[in-house]
PDB file of all heavy atoms in Angstrom:
ATOM      1  N   PRO A   1       8.439  12.531  13.871  1.00  0.00           N
ATOM      2  CA  PRO A   1       7.186  11.975  13.351  1.00  0.00           C
ATOM      3  C   PRO A   1       6.455  11.096  14.349  1.00  0.00           C
ATOM      4  O   PRO A   1       5.235  10.966  14.283  1.00  0.00           O
ATOM      5  CB  PRO A   1       7.642  11.163  12.124  1.00  0.00           C
ATOM      6  CG  PRO A   1       9.078  10.875  12.361  1.00  0.00           C
ATOM      7  CD  PRO A   1       9.608  12.059  13.120  1.00  0.00           C
ATOM      8  N   MET A   2       7.168  10.486  15.295  1.00  0.00           N
ATOM      9  CA  MET A   2       6.500   9.601  16.244  1.00  0.00           C
ATOM     10  C   MET A   2       5.596  10.386  17.183  1.00  0.00           C
ATOM     11  O   MET A   2       4.583   9.878  17.657  1.00  0.00           O
ATOM     12  CB  MET A   2       7.524   8.805  17.047  1.00  0.00           C
ATOM     13  CG  MET A   2       6.948   7.544  17.693  1.00  0.00           C
ATOM     14  SD  MET A   2       6.162   6.456  16.485  1.00  0.00           S
ATOM     15  CE  MET A   2       5.220   5.376  17.554  1.00  0.00           C
ATOM     16  N   THR A   3       5.942  11.643  17.474  1.00  0.00           N
ATOM     17  CA  THR A   3       5.079  12.463  18.313  1.00  0.00           C
ATOM     18  C   THR A   3       4.090  13.274  17.491  1.00  0.00           C
ATOM     19  O   THR A   3       3.155  13.854  18.041  1.00  0.00           O
ATOM     20  CB  THR A   3       5.919  13.429  19.176  1.00  0.00           C
ATOM     21  OG1 THR A   3       6.710  14.264  18.318  1.00  0.00           O
ATOM     22  CG2 THR A   3       6.849  12.664  20.101  1.00  0.00           C
ATOM     23  N   SER A   4       4.275  13.325  16.181  1.00  0.00           N
ATOM     24  CA  SER A   4       3.363  14.084  15.314  1.00  0.00           C
ATOM     25  C   SER A   4       2.247  13.202  14.762  1.00  0.00           C
ATOM     26  O   SER A   4       1.143  13.679  14.499  1.00  0.00           O
ATOM     27  CB  SER A   4       4.142  14.703  14.152  1.00  0.00           C
ATOM     28  OG  SER A   4       5.167  15.550  14.625  1.00  0.00           O
ATOM     29  N   LEU A   5       2.543  11.918  14.557  1.00  0.00           N
ATOM     30  CA  LEU A   5       1.521  10.981  14.105  1.00  0.00           C
ATOM     31  C   LEU A   5       0.755  10.444  15.316  1.00  0.00           C
ATOM     32  O   LEU A   5       1.336  10.209  16.367  1.00  0.00           O
ATOM     33  CB  LEU A   5       2.168   9.820  13.349  1.00  0.00           C
ATOM     34  CG  LEU A   5       2.845  10.178  12.023  1.00  0.00           C
ATOM     35  CD1 LEU A   5       3.673   9.006  11.519  1.00  0.00           C
ATOM     36  CD2 LEU A   5       1.819  10.597  10.983  1.00  0.00           C
ATOM     37  N   ASN A   6      -0.533  10.259  15.154  1.00  0.00           N
ATOM     38  CA  ASN A   6      -1.359   9.741  16.241  1.00  0.00           C
ATOM     39  C   ASN A   6      -1.128   8.231  16.368  1.00  0.00           C
ATOM     40  O   ASN A   6      -1.437   7.476  15.443  1.00  0.00           O
ATOM     41  CB  ASN A   6      -2.834  10.016  15.954  1.00  0.00           C
ATOM     42  CG  ASN A   6      -3.725   9.716  17.144  1.00  0.00           C
ATOM     43  OD1 ASN A   6      -3.479   8.794  17.901  1.00  0.00           O
ATOM     44  ND2 ASN A   6      -4.774  10.506  17.310  1.00  0.00           N
ATOM     45  N   PRO A   7      -0.594   7.770  17.493  1.00  0.00           N
ATOM     46  CA  PRO A   7      -0.268   6.345  17.617  1.00  0.00           C
ATOM     47  C   PRO A   7      -1.503   5.440  17.663  1.00  0.00           C
ATOM     48  O   PRO A   7      -1.385   4.221  17.479  1.00  0.00           O
ATOM     49  CB  PRO A   7       0.504   6.278  18.938  1.00  0.00           C
ATOM     50  CG  PRO A   7       0.025   7.454  19.722  1.00  0.00           C
ATOM     51  CD  PRO A   7      -0.254   8.526  18.707  1.00  0.00           C
ATOM     52  N   TYR A   8      -2.685   6.016  17.907  1.00  0.00           N
ATOM     53  CA  TYR A   8      -3.899   5.213  18.036  1.00  0.00           C
ATOM     54  C   TYR A   8      -4.673   5.080  16.726  1.00  0.00           C
ATOM     55  O   TYR A   8      -5.664   4.345  16.665  1.00  0.00           O
ATOM     56  CB  TYR A   8      -4.815   5.827  19.097  1.00  0.00           C
ATOM     57  CG  TYR A   8      -4.195   5.881  20.473  1.00  0.00           C
ATOM     58  CD1 TYR A   8      -3.713   7.081  20.990  1.00  0.00           C
ATOM     59  CD2 TYR A   8      -4.061   4.730  21.237  1.00  0.00           C
ATOM     60  CE1 TYR A   8      -3.129   7.131  22.243  1.00  0.00           C
ATOM     61  CE2 TYR A   8      -3.477   4.771  22.500  1.00  0.00           C
ATOM     62  CZ  TYR A   8      -3.015   5.973  22.994  1.00  0.00           C
ATOM     63  OH  TYR A   8      -2.436   6.015  24.228  1.00  0.00           O
ATOM     64  N   LEU A   9      -4.251   5.809  15.705  1.00  0.00           N
ATOM     65  CA  LEU A   9      -4.953   5.771  14.427  1.00  0.00           C
ATOM     66  C   LEU A   9      -4.076   5.140  13.356  1.00  0.00           C
ATOM     67  O   LEU A   9      -2.865   5.385  13.309  1.00  0.00           O
ATOM     68  CB  LEU A   9      -5.355   7.183  13.985  1.00  0.00           C
ATOM     69  CG  LEU A   9      -6.387   7.923  14.841  1.00  0.00           C
ATOM     70  CD1 LEU A   9      -6.637   9.313  14.260  1.00  0.00           C
ATOM     71  CD2 LEU A   9      -7.686   7.139  14.942  1.00  0.00           C
ATOM     72  N   ARG A  10      -4.709   4.373  12.486  1.00  0.00           N
ATOM     73  CA  ARG A  10      -3.986   3.816  11.346  1.00  0.00           C
ATOM     74  C   ARG A  10      -3.517   4.942  10.442  1.00  0.00           C
ATOM     75  O   ARG A  10      -4.149   6.002  10.356  1.00  0.00           O
ATOM     76  CB  ARG A  10      -4.873   2.853  10.566  1.00  0.00           C
ATOM     77  CG  ARG A  10      -5.329   1.640  11.376  1.00  0.00           C
ATOM     78  CD  ARG A  10      -6.210   0.736  10.533  1.00  0.00           C
ATOM     79  NE  ARG A  10      -6.824  -0.306  11.350  1.00  0.00           N
ATOM     80  CZ  ARG A  10      -6.238  -1.464  11.649  1.00  0.00           C
ATOM     81  NH1 ARG A  10      -5.023  -1.723  11.185  1.00  0.00           N
ATOM     82  NH2 ARG A  10      -6.863  -2.353  12.394  1.00  0.00           N
ATOM     83  N   VAL A  11      -2.407   4.699   9.756  1.00  0.00           N
ATOM     84  CA  VAL A  11      -1.861   5.705   8.843  1.00  0.00           C
ATOM     85  C   VAL A  11      -2.896   6.083   7.786  1.00  0.00           C
ATOM     86  O   VAL A  11      -3.015   7.256   7.412  1.00  0.00           O
ATOM     87  CB  VAL A  11      -0.568   5.175   8.192  1.00  0.00           C
ATOM     88  CG1 VAL A  11      -0.184   6.015   6.972  1.00  0.00           C
ATOM     89  CG2 VAL A  11       0.565   5.164   9.208  1.00  0.00           C
ATOM     90  N   SER A  12      -3.682   5.116   7.312  1.00  0.00           N
ATOM     91  CA  SER A  12      -4.694   5.404   6.294  1.00  0.00           C
ATOM     92  C   SER A  12      -5.664   6.469   6.770  1.00  0.00           C
ATOM     93  O   SER A  12      -6.010   7.393   6.009  1.00  0.00           O
ATOM     94  CB  SER A  12      -5.459   4.133   5.929  1.00  0.00           C
ATOM     95  OG  SER A  12      -6.020   3.535   7.095  1.00  0.00           O
ATOM     96  N   ARG A  13      -6.095   6.380   8.032  1.00  0.00           N
ATOM     97  CA  ARG A  13      -7.048   7.360   8.544  1.00  0.00           C
ATOM     98  C   ARG A  13      -6.414   8.734   8.650  1.00  0.00           C
ATOM     99  O   ARG A  13      -7.047   9.760   8.331  1.00  0.00           O
ATOM    100  CB  ARG A  13      -7.572   6.919   9.917  1.00  0.00           C
ATOM    101  CG  ARG A  13      -8.589   7.881  10.521  1.00  0.00           C
ATOM    102  CD  ARG A  13      -9.772   8.059   9.591  1.00  0.00           C
ATOM    103  NE  ARG A  13     -10.638   9.170   9.984  1.00  0.00           N
ATOM    104  CZ  ARG A  13     -11.268   9.960   9.129  1.00  0.00           C
ATOM    105  NH1 ARG A  13     -11.112   9.787   7.820  1.00  0.00           N
ATOM    106  NH2 ARG A  13     -12.037  10.914   9.547  1.00  0.00           N
ATOM    107  N   GLN A  14      -5.159   8.796   9.077  1.00  0.00           N
ATOM    108  CA  GLN A  14      -4.494  10.086   9.246  1.00  0.00           C
ATOM    109  C   GLN A  14      -4.241  10.768   7.900  1.00  0.00           C
ATOM    110  O   GLN A  14      -4.271  11.994   7.803  1.00  0.00           O
ATOM    111  CB  GLN A  14      -3.195   9.900  10.025  1.00  0.00           C
ATOM    112  CG  GLN A  14      -3.445   9.341  11.425  1.00  0.00           C
ATOM    113  CD  GLN A  14      -2.200   9.263  12.266  1.00  0.00           C
ATOM    114  OE1 GLN A  14      -1.539  10.275  12.522  1.00  0.00           O
ATOM    115  NE2 GLN A  14      -1.855   8.060  12.728  1.00  0.00           N
ATOM    116  N   LEU A  15      -4.022   9.982   6.858  1.00  0.00           N
ATOM    117  CA  LEU A  15      -3.802  10.555   5.526  1.00  0.00           C
ATOM    118  C   LEU A  15      -5.115  10.959   4.861  1.00  0.00           C
ATOM    119  O   LEU A  15      -5.232  12.051   4.302  1.00  0.00           O
ATOM    120  CB  LEU A  15      -3.054   9.559   4.649  1.00  0.00           C
ATOM    121  CG  LEU A  15      -1.595   9.269   5.025  1.00  0.00           C
ATOM    122  CD1 LEU A  15      -1.049   8.135   4.174  1.00  0.00           C
ATOM    123  CD2 LEU A  15      -0.734  10.504   4.868  1.00  0.00           C
ATOM    124  N   THR A  16      -6.098  10.096   4.912  1.00  0.00           N
ATOM    125  CA  THR A  16      -7.359  10.398   4.226  1.00  0.00           C
ATOM    126  C   THR A  16      -8.091  11.565   4.877  1.00  0.00           C
ATOM    127  O   THR A  16      -8.798  12.319   4.194  1.00  0.00           O
ATOM    128  CB  THR A  16      -8.284   9.164   4.210  1.00  0.00           C
ATOM    129  OG1 THR A  16      -8.511   8.717   5.565  1.00  0.00           O
ATOM    130  CG2 THR A  16      -7.657   8.034   3.406  1.00  0.00           C
ATOM    131  N   GLU A  17      -7.910  11.733   6.176  1.00  0.00           N
ATOM    132  CA  GLU A  17      -8.554  12.849   6.875  1.00  0.00           C
ATOM    133  C   GLU A  17      -8.143  14.189   6.293  1.00  0.00           C
ATOM    134  O   GLU A  17      -8.951  15.121   6.197  1.00  0.00           O
ATOM    135  CB  GLU A  17      -8.210  12.791   8.361  1.00  0.00           C
ATOM    136  CG  GLU A  17      -8.934  13.824   9.204  1.00  0.00           C
ATOM    137  CD  GLU A  17      -8.586  13.695  10.671  1.00  0.00           C
ATOM    138  OE1 GLU A  17      -7.385  13.525  10.978  1.00  0.00           O
ATOM    139  OE2 GLU A  17      -9.505  13.753  11.512  1.00  0.00           O
ATOM    140  N   VAL A  18      -6.867  14.303   5.881  1.00  0.00           N
ATOM    141  CA  VAL A  18      -6.368  15.545   5.290  1.00  0.00           C
ATOM    142  C   VAL A  18      -7.149  15.886   4.021  1.00  0.00           C
ATOM    143  O   VAL A  18      -7.582  17.026   3.825  1.00  0.00           O
ATOM    144  CB  VAL A  18      -4.860  15.419   4.973  1.00  0.00           C
ATOM    145  CG1 VAL A  18      -4.357  16.654   4.226  1.00  0.00           C
ATOM    146  CG2 VAL A  18      -4.062  15.206   6.253  1.00  0.00           C
ATOM    147  N   LEU A  19      -7.338  14.902   3.156  1.00  0.00           N
ATOM    148  CA  LEU A  19      -8.035  15.129   1.887  1.00  0.00           C
ATOM    149  C   LEU A  19      -9.537  15.338   2.087  1.00  0.00           C
ATOM    150  O   LEU A  19     -10.154  16.152   1.407  1.00  0.00           O
ATOM    151  CB  LEU A  19      -7.782  13.951   0.947  1.00  0.00           C
ATOM    152  CG  LEU A  19      -6.338  13.795   0.485  1.00  0.00           C
ATOM    153  CD1 LEU A  19      -6.117  12.440  -0.167  1.00  0.00           C
ATOM    154  CD2 LEU A  19      -5.953  14.917  -0.467  1.00  0.00           C
ATOM    155  N   GLU A  20     -10.123  14.615   3.012  1.00  0.00           N
ATOM    156  CA  GLU A  20     -11.550  14.780   3.272  1.00  0.00           C
ATOM    157  C   GLU A  20     -11.841  16.155   3.864  1.00  0.00           C
ATOM    158  O   GLU A  20     -12.838  16.802   3.522  1.00  0.00           O
ATOM    159  CB  GLU A  20     -12.041  13.673   4.210  1.00  0.00           C
ATOM    160  CG  GLU A  20     -12.008  12.287   3.575  1.00  0.00           C
ATOM    161  CD  GLU A  20     -12.284  11.195   4.599  1.00  0.00           C
ATOM    162  OE1 GLU A  20     -12.710  11.530   5.725  1.00  0.00           O
ATOM    163  OE2 GLU A  20     -12.071  10.008   4.274  1.00  0.00           O
ATOM    164  N   LEU A  21     -10.952  16.623   4.727  1.00  0.00           N
ATOM    165  CA  LEU A  21     -11.150  17.905   5.388  1.00  0.00           C
ATOM    166  C   LEU A  21     -10.911  19.079   4.447  1.00  0.00           C
ATOM    167  O   LEU A  21     -11.722  20.002   4.358  1.00  0.00           O
ATOM    168  CB  LEU A  21     -10.214  18.015   6.604  1.00  0.00           C
ATOM    169  CG  LEU A  21     -10.209  19.358   7.352  1.00  0.00           C
ATOM    170  CD1 LEU A  21     -11.563  19.609   7.986  1.00  0.00           C
ATOM    171  CD2 LEU A  21      -9.107  19.377   8.411  1.00  0.00           C
ATOM    172  N   HIS A  22      -9.794  19.048   3.715  1.00  0.00           N
ATOM    173  CA  HIS A  22      -9.403  20.210   2.916  1.00  0.00           C
ATOM    174  C   HIS A  22      -9.979  20.210   1.510  1.00  0.00           C
ATOM    175  O   HIS A  22     -10.177  21.283   0.915  1.00  0.00           O
ATOM    176  CB  HIS A  22      -7.873  20.302   2.831  1.00  0.00           C
ATOM    177  CG  HIS A  22      -7.229  20.696   4.122  1.00  0.00           C
ATOM    178  ND1 HIS A  22      -7.464  21.896   4.744  1.00  0.00           N
ATOM    179  CD2 HIS A  22      -6.342  20.033   4.917  1.00  0.00           C
ATOM    180  CE1 HIS A  22      -6.762  21.977   5.855  1.00  0.00           C
ATOM    181  NE2 HIS A  22      -6.067  20.851   5.984  1.00  0.00           N
ATOM    182  N   GLU A  23     -10.224  19.042   0.940  1.00  0.00           N
ATOM    183  CA  GLU A  23     -10.674  19.000  -0.451  1.00  0.00           C
ATOM    184  C   GLU A  23     -12.042  18.348  -0.625  1.00  0.00           C
ATOM    185  O   GLU A  23     -12.536  18.239  -1.744  1.00  0.00           O
ATOM    186  CB  GLU A  23      -9.627  18.274  -1.307  1.00  0.00           C
ATOM    187  CG  GLU A  23      -8.277  18.983  -1.325  1.00  0.00           C
ATOM    188  CD  GLU A  23      -7.319  18.361  -2.318  1.00  0.00           C
ATOM    189  OE1 GLU A  23      -7.705  17.395  -3.016  1.00  0.00           O
ATOM    190  OE2 GLU A  23      -6.170  18.850  -2.404  1.00  0.00           O
ATOM    191  N   GLY A  24     -12.649  17.891   0.455  1.00  0.00           N
ATOM    192  CA  GLY A  24     -13.959  17.260   0.358  1.00  0.00           C
ATOM    193  C   GLY A  24     -13.943  15.956  -0.407  1.00  0.00           C
ATOM    194  O   GLY A  24     -14.963  15.560  -1.004  1.00  0.00           O
ATOM    195  N   ALA A  25     -12.817  15.255  -0.415  1.00  0.00           N
ATOM    196  CA  ALA A  25     -12.701  13.998  -1.155  1.00  0.00           C
ATOM    197  C   ALA A  25     -13.546  12.908  -0.486  1.00  0.00           C
ATOM    198  O   ALA A  25     -13.717  12.896   0.734  1.00  0.00           O
ATOM    199  CB  ALA A  25     -11.241  13.555  -1.211  1.00  0.00           C
ATOM    200  N   THR A  26     -14.067  12.012  -1.294  1.00  0.00           N
ATOM    201  CA  THR A  26     -14.801  10.871  -0.757  1.00  0.00           C
ATOM    202  C   THR A  26     -13.809   9.916  -0.095  1.00  0.00           C
ATOM    203  O   THR A  26     -12.610   9.918  -0.427  1.00  0.00           O
ATOM    204  CB  THR A  26     -15.549  10.126  -1.865  1.00  0.00           C
ATOM    205  OG1 THR A  26     -14.594   9.573  -2.788  1.00  0.00           O
ATOM    206  CG2 THR A  26     -16.501  11.061  -2.609  1.00  0.00           C
ATOM    207  N   PRO A  27     -14.263   9.082   0.836  1.00  0.00           N
ATOM    208  CA  PRO A  27     -13.338   8.141   1.493  1.00  0.00           C
ATOM    209  C   PRO A  27     -12.576   7.250   0.517  1.00  0.00           C
ATOM    210  O   PRO A  27     -11.375   7.028   0.688  1.00  0.00           O
ATOM    211  CB  PRO A  27     -14.272   7.323   2.394  1.00  0.00           C
ATOM    212  CG  PRO A  27     -15.386   8.261   2.711  1.00  0.00           C
ATOM    213  CD  PRO A  27     -15.602   9.059   1.452  1.00  0.00           C
ATOM    214  N   SER A  28     -13.242   6.776  -0.534  1.00  0.00           N
ATOM    215  CA  SER A  28     -12.559   5.897  -1.487  1.00  0.00           C
ATOM    216  C   SER A  28     -11.522   6.660  -2.301  1.00  0.00           C
ATOM    217  O   SER A  28     -10.409   6.162  -2.540  1.00  0.00           O
ATOM    218  CB  SER A  28     -13.579   5.228  -2.415  1.00  0.00           C
ATOM    219  OG  SER A  28     -14.316   6.207  -3.140  1.00  0.00           O
ATOM    220  N   ALA A  29     -11.874   7.875  -2.721  1.00  0.00           N
ATOM    221  CA  ALA A  29     -10.929   8.689  -3.495  1.00  0.00           C
ATOM    222  C   ALA A  29      -9.748   9.106  -2.627  1.00  0.00           C
ATOM    223  O   ALA A  29      -8.595   9.109  -3.082  1.00  0.00           O
ATOM    224  CB  ALA A  29     -11.632   9.916  -4.065  1.00  0.00           C
ATOM    225  N   ALA A  30     -10.018   9.456  -1.371  1.00  0.00           N
ATOM    226  CA  ALA A  30      -8.949   9.856  -0.459  1.00  0.00           C
ATOM    227  C   ALA A  30      -8.001   8.689  -0.199  1.00  0.00           C
ATOM    228  O   ALA A  30      -6.779   8.872  -0.165  1.00  0.00           O
ATOM    229  CB  ALA A  30      -9.550  10.361   0.848  1.00  0.00           C
ATOM    230  N   ARG A  31      -8.547   7.492  -0.044  1.00  0.00           N
ATOM    231  CA  ARG A  31      -7.701   6.322   0.198  1.00  0.00           C
ATOM    232  C   ARG A  31      -6.828   6.045  -1.011  1.00  0.00           C
ATOM    233  O   ARG A  31      -5.634   5.748  -0.875  1.00  0.00           O
ATOM    234  CB  ARG A  31      -8.573   5.106   0.507  1.00  0.00           C
ATOM    235  CG  ARG A  31      -7.763   3.847   0.798  1.00  0.00           C
ATOM    236  CD  ARG A  31      -8.677   2.659   1.085  1.00  0.00           C
ATOM    237  NE  ARG A  31      -7.909   1.441   1.271  1.00  0.00           N
ATOM    238  CZ  ARG A  31      -7.338   1.073   2.404  1.00  0.00           C
ATOM    239  NH1 ARG A  31      -7.444   1.838   3.477  1.00  0.00           N
ATOM    240  NH2 ARG A  31      -6.649  -0.057   2.491  1.00  0.00           N
ATOM    241  N   ARG A  32      -7.397   6.158  -2.203  1.00  0.00           N
ATOM    242  CA  ARG A  32      -6.632   5.908  -3.421  1.00  0.00           C
ATOM    243  C   ARG A  32      -5.461   6.898  -3.535  1.00  0.00           C
ATOM    244  O   ARG A  32      -4.327   6.509  -3.851  1.00  0.00           O
ATOM    245  CB  ARG A  32      -7.557   6.028  -4.634  1.00  0.00           C
ATOM    246  CG  ARG A  32      -6.892   5.665  -5.956  1.00  0.00           C
ATOM    247  CD  ARG A  32      -7.915   5.485  -7.058  1.00  0.00           C
ATOM    248  NE  ARG A  32      -8.757   6.669  -7.234  1.00  0.00           N
ATOM    249  CZ  ARG A  32     -10.032   6.749  -6.882  1.00  0.00           C
ATOM    250  NH1 ARG A  32     -10.632   5.709  -6.318  1.00  0.00           N
ATOM    251  NH2 ARG A  32     -10.737   7.858  -7.077  1.00  0.00           N
ATOM    252  N   ARG A  33      -5.731   8.161  -3.256  1.00  0.00           N
ATOM    253  CA  ARG A  33      -4.670   9.171  -3.341  1.00  0.00           C
ATOM    254  C   ARG A  33      -3.632   8.975  -2.240  1.00  0.00           C
ATOM    255  O   ARG A  33      -2.440   9.227  -2.445  1.00  0.00           O
ATOM    256  CB  ARG A  33      -5.275  10.573  -3.274  1.00  0.00           C
ATOM    257  CG  ARG A  33      -5.922  10.991  -4.588  1.00  0.00           C
ATOM    258  CD  ARG A  33      -6.475  12.391  -4.537  1.00  0.00           C
ATOM    259  NE  ARG A  33      -5.476  13.382  -4.164  1.00  0.00           N
ATOM    260  CZ  ARG A  33      -5.757  14.677  -3.978  1.00  0.00           C
ATOM    261  NH1 ARG A  33      -7.007  15.099  -4.146  1.00  0.00           N
ATOM    262  NH2 ARG A  33      -4.822  15.525  -3.647  1.00  0.00           N
TER     263      ARG A  33
END
């Protein structure tokens, strides 16, 4: 996981990006999930 996670980005950004990209979630909804 240390080489798979981007060390320069917060975990919140790496998680919310998945939902925003694949499901079109809003930033607030993606953060909540």
